Protein backbone atom coordinates (compact mmCIF):
# COMPACT_ATOMS: atom_id res chain seq x y z
CA MET A 1 -86.52 258.20 34.88
CA SER A 2 -84.09 256.83 37.45
CA ALA A 3 -82.91 253.23 37.37
CA ASN A 4 -84.84 252.52 40.58
CA LEU A 5 -88.11 253.80 39.12
CA LYS A 6 -87.50 251.80 35.94
CA SER A 7 -86.96 248.73 38.09
CA ASP A 8 -90.20 249.40 39.99
CA PHE A 9 -92.11 249.86 36.73
CA LYS A 10 -90.66 246.58 35.47
CA PHE A 11 -91.88 244.98 38.71
CA PHE A 12 -95.34 246.36 38.02
CA LEU A 13 -95.37 244.97 34.47
CA GLU A 14 -94.11 241.56 35.57
CA HIS A 15 -96.68 241.29 38.37
CA GLN A 16 -99.58 243.20 36.80
CA LYS A 17 -102.00 240.23 36.78
CA GLU A 18 -101.41 239.53 40.47
CA LEU A 19 -101.62 243.21 41.35
CA VAL A 20 -104.90 243.59 39.44
CA LYS A 21 -106.43 240.74 41.46
CA LYS A 22 -105.47 242.47 44.68
CA TYR A 23 -105.57 246.21 43.88
CA ASN A 24 -107.75 246.72 40.78
CA GLY A 25 -108.91 250.33 40.51
CA LYS A 26 -106.44 251.60 43.11
CA TYR A 27 -103.24 253.61 42.95
CA ILE A 28 -100.32 251.73 44.46
CA ALA A 29 -96.97 253.02 45.63
CA ILE A 30 -94.04 250.77 44.75
CA LYS A 31 -90.46 251.03 45.99
CA GLY A 32 -87.77 248.41 45.63
CA GLY A 33 -90.23 245.88 44.25
CA VAL A 34 -92.48 246.22 47.30
CA VAL A 35 -96.02 247.61 47.33
CA LEU A 36 -95.96 250.25 50.06
CA GLY A 37 -99.68 250.97 50.00
CA ALA A 38 -102.88 251.16 47.96
CA TYR A 39 -104.96 254.34 47.69
CA GLU A 40 -108.14 255.67 46.13
CA SER A 41 -106.45 258.62 44.40
CA GLU A 42 -103.08 259.45 42.92
CA LEU A 43 -102.74 262.52 45.11
CA THR A 44 -103.43 260.54 48.28
CA ALA A 45 -100.91 257.89 47.21
CA ILE A 46 -98.23 260.55 46.75
CA GLN A 47 -99.04 262.45 49.94
CA GLU A 48 -99.20 259.41 52.18
CA THR A 49 -96.12 257.71 50.75
CA ALA A 50 -94.12 260.96 50.90
CA LYS A 51 -94.57 260.98 54.67
CA LYS A 52 -92.04 258.13 54.92
CA HIS A 53 -90.25 258.12 51.55
CA LYS A 54 -88.61 260.93 49.60
CA ILE A 55 -90.51 262.11 46.48
CA GLY A 56 -88.86 260.66 43.41
CA THR A 57 -87.81 257.44 45.13
CA PHE A 58 -91.10 255.60 44.69
CA LEU A 59 -93.46 254.88 41.81
CA VAL A 60 -97.21 255.54 41.95
CA GLN A 61 -99.09 253.41 39.44
CA TYR A 62 -102.80 253.01 38.69
CA VAL A 63 -103.76 249.34 38.67
CA GLU A 64 -106.04 247.96 35.96
CA PRO A 65 -105.78 245.17 33.40
CA GLY A 66 -104.23 245.88 30.01
CA GLU A 67 -101.94 248.66 28.86
CA GLU A 68 -104.35 251.56 29.48
CA SER A 69 -102.95 252.28 32.93
CA TYR A 70 -99.42 252.91 31.69
CA THR A 71 -99.71 254.16 28.11
CA GLN A 72 -101.03 257.41 26.70
CA THR A 73 -101.98 258.38 23.19
CA PHE A 74 -102.00 262.01 22.15
CA HIS A 75 -103.82 263.29 19.09
CA SER A 76 -103.12 266.58 17.41
CA ARG A 77 -104.50 268.51 14.47
CA VAL A 78 -101.10 269.98 13.72
CA ALA A 79 -99.92 269.56 10.15
CA PHE A 80 -96.29 269.80 9.16
CA ALA A 81 -95.49 271.12 5.69
């Protein structure tokens, strides 16, 4: 992940409570610590933001309270011997 995207993710984490109040249940595009837009779907967020900003230069993040929007847990039945 680029330094700019890390910075934008940090912005999201630091402002998550405020963003939830304003954008709960939406996908937001963030670039340079600025919310560029809020969208109903991830695909729409990417498509619309890519019209003005190069892919890979902005972060699309689902907005909801807690860690569920930015963490994933994977389960596997694989056993290592």
